[in-house]
Amino acid sequence: MGTQLENRIMRRVYFIFYCRKAIGKFALKIYLILLLLWGLFHNISFVSVFRNTKSIAVDVGSVSSFYKYAFIHTEFVVQTISVAIIAILAFTLGNNLKGLLYKEQQDR
């Protein structure tokens, strides 16, 4: 009985170990961003947003105020997903840039 339990537990431990080795932190961030983008595309009609953007004048100020107004008046879920995507992208980009800068300093 003990060996069967040990074998089941060790199979799970090996599975988790190999999954962690196969999937890095960067890949998990990309998968999370893709999942959040899917939720965003599921909740927003981007065709309608861009169609409404084209009807506005070419002035940069009016386009930015349109997007700000559209973001403020959208559903809470869409706002949360958008902020999460921006935060994950910012942290990922920051970590990658920090790694590149640190690597350049080591090479000198």
C-alpha atoms as a PDB file:
ATOM      1  CA  MET A   1       0.000   0.000   0.000  1.00  0.00           C
ATOM      2  CA  GLY A   2       2.787   2.413   0.885  1.00  0.00           C
ATOM      3  CA  THR A   3       4.676   1.797  -2.351  1.00  0.00           C
ATOM      4  CA  GLN A   4       1.583   2.437  -4.476  1.00  0.00           C
ATOM      5  CA  LEU A   5       1.010   5.722  -2.685  1.00  0.00           C
ATOM      6  CA  GLU A   6       4.675   6.626  -3.001  1.00  0.00           C
ATOM      7  CA  ASN A   7       4.634   5.836  -6.734  1.00  0.00           C
ATOM      8  CA  ARG A   8       1.539   8.007  -7.295  1.00  0.00           C
ATOM      9  CA  ILE A   9       3.030  10.876  -5.332  1.00  0.00           C
ATOM     10  CA  MET A  10       6.392  10.621  -7.083  1.00  0.00           C
ATOM     11  CA  ARG A  11       4.717  10.537 -10.520  1.00  0.00           C
ATOM     12  CA  ARG A  12       2.999  13.794  -9.643  1.00  0.00           C
ATOM     13  CA  VAL A  13       6.256  15.288  -8.371  1.00  0.00           C
ATOM     14  CA  TYR A  14       8.063  14.272 -11.579  1.00  0.00           C
ATOM     15  CA  PHE A  15       5.222  15.681 -13.671  1.00  0.00           C
ATOM     16  CA  ILE A  16       5.366  19.045 -11.886  1.00  0.00           C
ATOM     17  CA  PHE A  17       9.179  19.094 -12.096  1.00  0.00           C
ATOM     18  CA  TYR A  18       9.197  18.501 -15.863  1.00  0.00           C
ATOM     19  CA  CYS A  19       6.373  20.982 -16.453  1.00  0.00           C
ATOM     20  CA  ARG A  20       8.334  23.655 -14.605  1.00  0.00           C
ATOM     21  CA  LYS A  21      11.416  22.885 -16.650  1.00  0.00           C
ATOM     22  CA  ALA A  22       9.480  22.889 -19.936  1.00  0.00           C
ATOM     23  CA  ILE A  23       7.539  26.061 -19.257  1.00  0.00           C
ATOM     24  CA  GLY A  24       9.605  29.066 -18.236  1.00  0.00           C
ATOM     25  CA  LYS A  25       8.400  32.203 -16.512  1.00  0.00           C
ATOM     26  CA  PHE A  26       8.451  34.159 -19.757  1.00  0.00           C
ATOM     27  CA  ALA A  27       6.297  31.551 -21.518  1.00  0.00           C
ATOM     28  CA  LEU A  28       3.775  31.618 -18.678  1.00  0.00           C
ATOM     29  CA  LYS A  29       3.547  35.397 -18.975  1.00  0.00           C
ATOM     30  CA  ILE A  30       2.945  35.100 -22.715  1.00  0.00           C
ATOM     31  CA  TYR A  31       0.247  32.459 -22.161  1.00  0.00           C
ATOM     32  CA  LEU A  32      -1.400  34.679 -19.551  1.00  0.00           C
ATOM     33  CA  ILE A  33      -1.330  37.676 -21.904  1.00  0.00           C
ATOM     34  CA  LEU A  34      -2.849  35.566 -24.698  1.00  0.00           C
ATOM     35  CA  LEU A  35      -5.582  34.366 -22.358  1.00  0.00           C
ATOM     36  CA  LEU A  36      -6.331  37.932 -21.275  1.00  0.00           C
ATOM     37  CA  LEU A  37      -6.336  39.114 -24.895  1.00  0.00           C
ATOM     38  CA  TRP A  38      -8.839  36.381 -25.725  1.00  0.00           C
ATOM     39  CA  GLY A  39     -11.065  37.699 -22.919  1.00  0.00           C
ATOM     40  CA  LEU A  40     -10.638  41.227 -24.233  1.00  0.00           C
ATOM     41  CA  PHE A  41     -11.539  40.276 -27.801  1.00  0.00           C
ATOM     42  CA  HIS A  42     -14.501  38.309 -26.461  1.00  0.00           C
ATOM     43  CA  ASN A  43     -15.886  41.399 -24.691  1.00  0.00           C
ATOM     44  CA  ILE A  44     -15.001  44.204 -27.128  1.00  0.00           C
ATOM     45  CA  SER A  45     -15.989  44.778 -30.735  1.00  0.00           C
ATOM     46  CA  PHE A  46     -12.752  46.282 -32.012  1.00  0.00           C
ATOM     47  CA  VAL A  47     -14.272  46.756 -35.461  1.00  0.00           C
ATOM     48  CA  SER A  48     -16.850  49.123 -33.968  1.00  0.00           C
ATOM     49  CA  VAL A  49     -14.241  50.963 -31.922  1.00  0.00           C
ATOM     50  CA  PHE A  50     -12.012  51.568 -34.955  1.00  0.00           C
ATOM     51  CA  ARG A  51     -15.023  52.511 -37.089  1.00  0.00           C
ATOM     52  CA  ASN A  52     -15.962  55.140 -34.494  1.00  0.00           C
ATOM     53  CA  THR A  53     -12.354  56.313 -34.341  1.00  0.00           C
ATOM     54  CA  LYS A  54     -12.301  56.901 -38.089  1.00  0.00           C
ATOM     55  CA  SER A  55     -15.367  59.158 -37.787  1.00  0.00           C
ATOM     56  CA  ILE A  56     -13.445  61.474 -35.436  1.00  0.00           C
ATOM     57  CA  ALA A  57     -11.195  64.176 -36.823  1.00  0.00           C
ATOM     58  CA  VAL A  58      -7.511  63.368 -37.287  1.00  0.00           C
ATOM     59  CA  ASP A  59      -6.612  65.584 -34.321  1.00  0.00           C
ATOM     60  CA  VAL A  60      -4.557  63.599 -31.817  1.00  0.00           C
ATOM     61  CA  GLY A  61      -6.232  65.246 -28.832  1.00  0.00           C
ATOM     62  CA  SER A  62      -9.729  64.258 -29.911  1.00  0.00           C
ATOM     63  CA  VAL A  63      -8.683  60.671 -30.640  1.00  0.00           C
ATOM     64  CA  SER A  64      -6.998  60.324 -27.244  1.00  0.00           C
ATOM     65  CA  SER A  65     -10.015  61.807 -25.466  1.00  0.00           C
ATOM     66  CA  PHE A  66     -12.259  59.372 -27.398  1.00  0.00           C
ATOM     67  CA  TYR A  67     -10.200  56.384 -26.236  1.00  0.00           C
ATOM     68  CA  LYS A  68     -10.122  57.709 -22.666  1.00  0.00           C
ATOM     69  CA  TYR A  69     -13.915  58.189 -22.716  1.00  0.00           C
ATOM     70  CA  ALA A  70     -14.416  54.706 -24.220  1.00  0.00           C
ATOM     71  CA  PHE A  71     -12.171  53.116 -21.566  1.00  0.00           C
ATOM     72  CA  ILE A  72     -13.871  54.914 -18.678  1.00  0.00           C
ATOM     73  CA  HIS A  73     -17.357  53.987 -19.859  1.00  0.00           C
ATOM     74  CA  THR A  74     -16.676  50.323 -20.639  1.00  0.00           C
ATOM     75  CA  GLU A  75     -17.458  47.394 -18.353  1.00  0.00           C
ATOM     76  CA  PHE A  76     -15.366  46.768 -15.244  1.00  0.00           C
ATOM     77  CA  VAL A  77     -14.186  43.394 -16.570  1.00  0.00           C
ATOM     78  CA  VAL A  78     -12.761  45.001 -19.699  1.00  0.00           C
ATOM     79  CA  GLN A  79     -11.027  47.694 -17.643  1.00  0.00           C
ATOM     80  CA  THR A  80      -9.509  45.066 -15.341  1.00  0.00           C
ATOM     81  CA  ILE A  81      -8.301  42.911 -18.236  1.00  0.00           C
ATOM     82  CA  SER A  82      -6.806  45.942 -19.989  1.00  0.00           C
ATOM     83  CA  VAL A  83      -4.923  47.086 -16.891  1.00  0.00           C
ATOM     84  CA  ALA A  84      -3.689  43.527 -16.253  1.00  0.00           C
ATOM     85  CA  ILE A  85      -2.360  43.226 -19.820  1.00  0.00           C
ATOM     86  CA  ILE A  86      -0.574  46.562 -19.582  1.00  0.00           C
ATOM     87  CA  ALA A  87       0.909  45.677 -16.176  1.00  0.00           C
ATOM     88  CA  ILE A  88       2.177  42.259 -17.310  1.00  0.00           C
ATOM     89  CA  LEU A  89       3.670  43.740 -20.482  1.00  0.00           C
ATOM     90  CA  ALA A  90       5.347  46.525 -18.506  1.00  0.00           C
ATOM     91  CA  PHE A  91       6.872  44.139 -15.955  1.00  0.00           C
ATOM     92  CA  THR A  92       8.008  41.708 -18.658  1.00  0.00           C
ATOM     93  CA  LEU A  93       9.557  44.467 -20.746  1.00  0.00           C
ATOM     94  CA  GLY A  94      11.186  45.987 -17.650  1.00  0.00           C
ATOM     95  CA  ASN A  95      12.698  42.666 -16.595  1.00  0.00           C
ATOM     96  CA  ASN A  96      13.994  41.990 -20.096  1.00  0.00           C
ATOM     97  CA  LEU A  97      15.533  45.452 -20.411  1.00  0.00           C
ATOM     98  CA  LYS A  98      17.086  45.165 -16.966  1.00  0.00           C
ATOM     99  CA  GLY A  99      18.566  41.792 -17.948  1.00  0.00           C
ATOM    100  CA  LEU A 100      19.998  43.238 -21.156  1.00  0.00           C
ATOM    101  CA  LEU A 101      21.491  46.249 -19.392  1.00  0.00           C
ATOM    102  CA  TYR A 102      22.990  44.102 -16.650  1.00  0.00           C
ATOM    103  CA  LYS A 103      24.451  41.720 -19.237  1.00  0.00           C
ATOM    104  CA  GLU A 104      26.078  44.625 -21.108  1.00  0.00           C
ATOM    105  CA  GLN A 105      27.694  45.830 -17.879  1.00  0.00           C
ATOM    106  CA  GLN A 106      29.114  42.373 -17.221  1.00  0.00           C
ATOM    107  CA  ASP A 107      30.595  42.165 -20.724  1.00  0.00           C
ATOM    108  CA  ARG A 108      32.678  45.333 -20.211  1.00  0.00           C
END
